[in-house]
């Protein structure tokens, strides 16, 4: 029914964990991409352009660093970091 077959990617597969990480943190890159960003704009009167200039780059760096850390952690835990995985 969906894009990914559950027989190939089980319900606790690394793919779903990565998708959850990306969905949960990706909205911070653009202030209007998350409910908390919209609340920040409304309550604190943060301007969109101010956020884009001051925060977006840092949020994007953190986003990609989080993905890198997740992939590195999985590589270390599975033993595939140095190609030493036995299949």
N, C-alpha and C. Protein backbone atom coordinates (compact mmCIF):
# COMPACT_ATOMS: atom_id res chain seq x y z
N UNK A 1 0.81 -1.19 0.00
CA UNK A 1 0.00 0.00 0.00
C UNK A 1 0.86 1.26 0.00
N UNK A 2 1.97 1.20 0.70
CA UNK A 2 2.78 2.39 0.83
C UNK A 2 4.01 2.35 -0.06
N UNK A 3 4.86 3.31 0.18
CA UNK A 3 6.07 3.45 -0.62
C UNK A 3 7.09 2.35 -0.28
N UNK A 4 7.14 1.95 0.98
CA UNK A 4 8.09 0.95 1.41
C UNK A 4 7.34 -0.28 1.91
N UNK A 5 7.75 -1.43 1.43
CA UNK A 5 7.10 -2.68 1.80
C UNK A 5 7.54 -3.08 3.20
N UNK A 6 6.59 -3.36 4.09
CA UNK A 6 6.90 -3.74 5.46
C UNK A 6 7.58 -5.09 5.56
N UNK A 7 7.48 -5.90 4.52
CA UNK A 7 8.22 -7.17 4.56
C UNK A 7 9.70 -6.93 4.31
N UNK A 8 10.03 -5.86 3.62
CA UNK A 8 11.44 -5.52 3.37
C UNK A 8 12.01 -4.64 4.49
N UNK A 9 11.21 -3.70 4.96
CA UNK A 9 11.62 -2.79 6.04
C UNK A 9 10.64 -2.98 7.19
N UNK A 10 11.04 -3.76 8.20
CA UNK A 10 10.18 -4.04 9.34
C UNK A 10 9.80 -2.78 10.10
N UNK A 11 8.87 -2.94 11.03
CA UNK A 11 8.36 -1.77 11.74
C UNK A 11 9.39 -1.08 12.61
N UNK A 12 10.47 -1.76 12.99
CA UNK A 12 11.51 -1.14 13.80
C UNK A 12 12.83 -1.06 13.02
N UNK A 13 12.72 -0.95 11.71
CA UNK A 13 13.90 -0.89 10.86
C UNK A 13 14.60 0.46 11.01
N UNK A 14 15.87 0.49 10.68
CA UNK A 14 16.65 1.73 10.75
C UNK A 14 16.08 2.81 9.85
N UNK A 15 15.46 2.42 8.75
CA UNK A 15 14.87 3.39 7.84
C UNK A 15 13.81 4.22 8.54
N UNK A 16 12.92 3.58 9.31
CA UNK A 16 11.85 4.30 9.98
C UNK A 16 12.41 5.20 11.08
N UNK A 17 13.46 4.76 11.74
CA UNK A 17 14.09 5.60 12.75
C UNK A 17 14.69 6.84 12.12
N UNK A 18 15.32 6.69 10.96
CA UNK A 18 15.89 7.84 10.26
C UNK A 18 14.80 8.78 9.76
N UNK A 19 13.71 8.23 9.26
CA UNK A 19 12.59 9.07 8.81
C UNK A 19 12.01 9.86 9.98
N UNK A 20 11.87 9.22 11.14
CA UNK A 20 11.37 9.92 12.32
C UNK A 20 12.31 11.03 12.76
N UNK A 21 13.63 10.77 12.71
CA UNK A 21 14.61 11.79 13.05
C UNK A 21 14.49 12.98 12.10
N UNK A 22 14.40 12.70 10.82
CA UNK A 22 14.31 13.78 9.82
C UNK A 22 13.00 14.56 9.95
N UNK A 23 11.91 13.87 10.17
CA UNK A 23 10.62 14.55 10.30
C UNK A 23 10.56 15.37 11.58
N UNK A 24 11.15 14.86 12.64
CA UNK A 24 11.09 15.56 13.92
C UNK A 24 11.97 16.78 14.00
N UNK A 25 13.09 16.77 13.28
CA UNK A 25 14.03 17.89 13.39
C UNK A 25 14.10 18.76 12.14
N UNK A 26 13.65 18.26 11.03
CA UNK A 26 13.76 19.00 9.77
C UNK A 26 12.95 20.28 9.72
N UNK A 27 11.86 20.34 10.46
CA UNK A 27 11.04 21.55 10.46
C UNK A 27 11.72 22.75 11.07
N UNK A 28 12.76 22.52 11.84
CA UNK A 28 13.46 23.63 12.48
C UNK A 28 14.31 24.43 11.50
N UNK A 29 14.61 23.88 10.35
CA UNK A 29 15.41 24.60 9.37
C UNK A 29 14.66 25.83 8.88
N UNK A 30 13.38 25.70 8.65
CA UNK A 30 12.55 26.80 8.21
C UNK A 30 11.52 27.07 9.31
N UNK A 31 11.45 28.31 9.77
CA UNK A 31 10.63 28.62 10.94
C UNK A 31 9.16 28.24 10.75
N UNK A 32 8.66 28.32 9.53
CA UNK A 32 7.26 27.98 9.29
C UNK A 32 7.08 26.48 9.05
N UNK A 33 8.17 25.70 9.18
CA UNK A 33 8.11 24.27 8.94
C UNK A 33 7.68 23.45 10.15
N UNK A 34 7.46 24.11 11.29
CA UNK A 34 7.07 23.36 12.47
C UNK A 34 6.08 24.19 13.29
N UNK A 35 5.29 23.49 14.08
CA UNK A 35 4.32 24.19 14.94
C UNK A 35 5.03 25.06 15.95
N UNK A 36 6.16 24.60 16.47
CA UNK A 36 6.90 25.41 17.44
C UNK A 36 7.47 26.66 16.79
N UNK A 37 7.85 26.59 15.53
CA UNK A 37 8.34 27.76 14.82
C UNK A 37 7.24 28.79 14.61
N UNK A 38 6.07 28.33 14.27
CA UNK A 38 4.94 29.25 14.10
C UNK A 38 4.57 29.88 15.43
N UNK A 39 4.62 29.10 16.52
CA UNK A 39 4.35 29.65 17.85
C UNK A 39 5.41 30.68 18.23
N UNK A 40 6.67 30.41 17.91
CA UNK A 40 7.75 31.37 18.17
C UNK A 40 7.49 32.68 17.45
N UNK A 41 7.09 32.59 16.19
CA UNK A 41 6.81 33.81 15.43
C UNK A 41 5.65 34.58 16.04
N UNK A 42 4.65 33.88 16.51
CA UNK A 42 3.48 34.55 17.07
C UNK A 42 3.70 35.12 18.45
N UNK A 43 4.30 34.34 19.34
CA UNK A 43 4.46 34.77 20.72
C UNK A 43 5.61 35.76 20.91
N UNK A 44 6.71 35.53 20.24
CA UNK A 44 7.90 36.36 20.43
C UNK A 44 8.07 37.40 19.33
N UNK A 45 7.14 37.42 18.39
CA UNK A 45 7.18 38.38 17.27
C UNK A 45 8.49 38.29 16.48
N UNK A 46 8.95 37.06 16.25
CA UNK A 46 10.15 36.83 15.47
C UNK A 46 9.80 36.97 14.00
N UNK A 47 10.56 37.77 13.29
CA UNK A 47 10.36 37.99 11.87
C UNK A 47 10.94 36.83 11.07
N UNK A 48 10.28 36.47 9.98
CA UNK A 48 10.73 35.36 9.14
C UNK A 48 12.14 35.60 8.61
N UNK A 49 12.41 36.80 8.11
CA UNK A 49 13.73 37.08 7.55
C UNK A 49 14.82 37.06 8.63
N UNK A 50 14.50 37.51 9.84
CA UNK A 50 15.48 37.46 10.93
C UNK A 50 15.84 36.00 11.20
N UNK A 51 14.84 35.15 11.29
CA UNK A 51 15.07 33.72 11.54
C UNK A 51 15.89 33.11 10.41
N UNK A 52 15.54 33.46 9.17
CA UNK A 52 16.25 32.90 8.03
C UNK A 52 17.73 33.30 8.06
N UNK A 53 18.02 34.53 8.44
CA UNK A 53 19.40 35.00 8.48
C UNK A 53 20.18 34.47 9.67
N UNK A 54 19.55 34.39 10.84
CA UNK A 54 20.27 34.10 12.08
C UNK A 54 20.25 32.63 12.50
N UNK A 55 19.22 31.89 12.15
CA UNK A 55 19.03 30.55 12.72
C UNK A 55 19.08 29.43 11.69
N UNK A 56 18.63 29.68 10.48
CA UNK A 56 18.47 28.61 9.50
C UNK A 56 19.77 27.85 9.22
N UNK A 57 20.87 28.55 9.08
CA UNK A 57 22.14 27.87 8.78
C UNK A 57 22.53 26.94 9.93
N UNK A 58 22.44 27.43 11.15
CA UNK A 58 22.76 26.60 12.31
C UNK A 58 21.83 25.40 12.43
N UNK A 59 20.55 25.62 12.16
CA UNK A 59 19.59 24.51 12.21
C UNK A 59 19.90 23.47 11.14
N UNK A 60 20.29 23.92 9.96
CA UNK A 60 20.63 22.98 8.88
C UNK A 60 21.88 22.19 9.22
N UNK A 61 22.88 22.87 9.80
CA UNK A 61 24.11 22.17 10.20
C UNK A 61 23.77 21.12 11.26
N UNK A 62 22.95 21.47 12.24
CA UNK A 62 22.55 20.53 13.27
C UNK A 62 21.75 19.37 12.71
N UNK A 63 20.90 19.66 11.74
CA UNK A 63 20.08 18.63 11.10
C UNK A 63 20.97 17.59 10.42
N UNK A 64 21.90 18.05 9.60
CA UNK A 64 22.78 17.12 8.89
C UNK A 64 23.78 16.45 9.82
N UNK A 65 24.22 17.14 10.85
CA UNK A 65 25.09 16.51 11.85
C UNK A 65 24.35 15.40 12.58
N UNK A 66 23.07 15.61 12.86
CA UNK A 66 22.26 14.57 13.50
C UNK A 66 22.11 13.34 12.62
N UNK A 67 21.90 13.55 11.34
CA UNK A 67 21.81 12.42 10.40
C UNK A 67 23.15 11.69 10.35
N UNK A 68 24.24 12.45 10.27
CA UNK A 68 25.57 11.84 10.24
C UNK A 68 25.85 11.04 11.50
N UNK A 69 25.49 11.60 12.66
CA UNK A 69 25.71 10.90 13.92
C UNK A 69 24.87 9.63 13.99
N UNK A 70 23.64 9.69 13.49
CA UNK A 70 22.78 8.51 13.48
C UNK A 70 23.38 7.41 12.60
N UNK A 71 23.83 7.79 11.40
CA UNK A 71 24.42 6.80 10.50
C UNK A 71 25.72 6.24 11.06
N UNK A 72 26.54 7.09 11.67
CA UNK A 72 27.78 6.63 12.29
C UNK A 72 27.51 5.67 13.45
N UNK A 73 26.53 6.02 14.27
CA UNK A 73 26.16 5.15 15.39
C UNK A 73 25.72 3.78 14.90
N UNK A 74 24.89 3.75 13.87
CA UNK A 74 24.44 2.46 13.33
C UNK A 74 25.59 1.68 12.73
N UNK A 75 26.53 2.38 12.07
CA UNK A 75 27.68 1.69 11.49
C UNK A 75 28.55 1.08 12.59
N UNK A 76 28.75 1.80 13.68
CA UNK A 76 29.57 1.29 14.78
C UNK A 76 28.86 0.11 15.45
N UNK A 77 27.56 0.24 15.69
CA UNK A 77 26.83 -0.82 16.39
C UNK A 77 26.71 -2.10 15.56
N UNK A 78 26.65 -1.96 14.25
CA UNK A 78 26.53 -3.15 13.40
C UNK A 78 27.89 -3.67 12.96
N UNK A 79 28.95 -2.92 13.24
CA UNK A 79 30.29 -3.35 12.88
C UNK A 79 30.64 -3.15 11.43
N UNK A 80 29.89 -2.30 10.73
CA UNK A 80 30.15 -2.07 9.31
C UNK A 80 30.97 -0.81 9.07
N UNK A 81 31.47 -0.18 10.12
CA UNK A 81 32.20 1.08 9.96
C UNK A 81 33.47 0.88 9.16
N UNK A 82 34.21 -0.16 9.44
CA UNK A 82 35.48 -0.40 8.75
C UNK A 82 35.41 -1.58 7.80
N UNK A 83 34.21 -1.92 7.41
CA UNK A 83 34.04 -3.04 6.48
C UNK A 83 34.30 -4.38 7.12
N UNK A 84 34.16 -4.45 8.44
CA UNK A 84 34.46 -5.69 9.15
C UNK A 84 33.23 -6.52 9.45
N UNK A 85 32.13 -6.22 8.79
CA UNK A 85 30.90 -6.98 9.04
C UNK A 85 31.01 -8.34 8.38
N UNK A 86 30.64 -9.35 9.12
CA UNK A 86 30.63 -10.69 8.54
C UNK A 86 29.21 -11.01 8.09
N UNK A 87 29.09 -11.37 6.83
CA UNK A 87 27.76 -11.66 6.29
C UNK A 87 27.55 -13.14 6.11
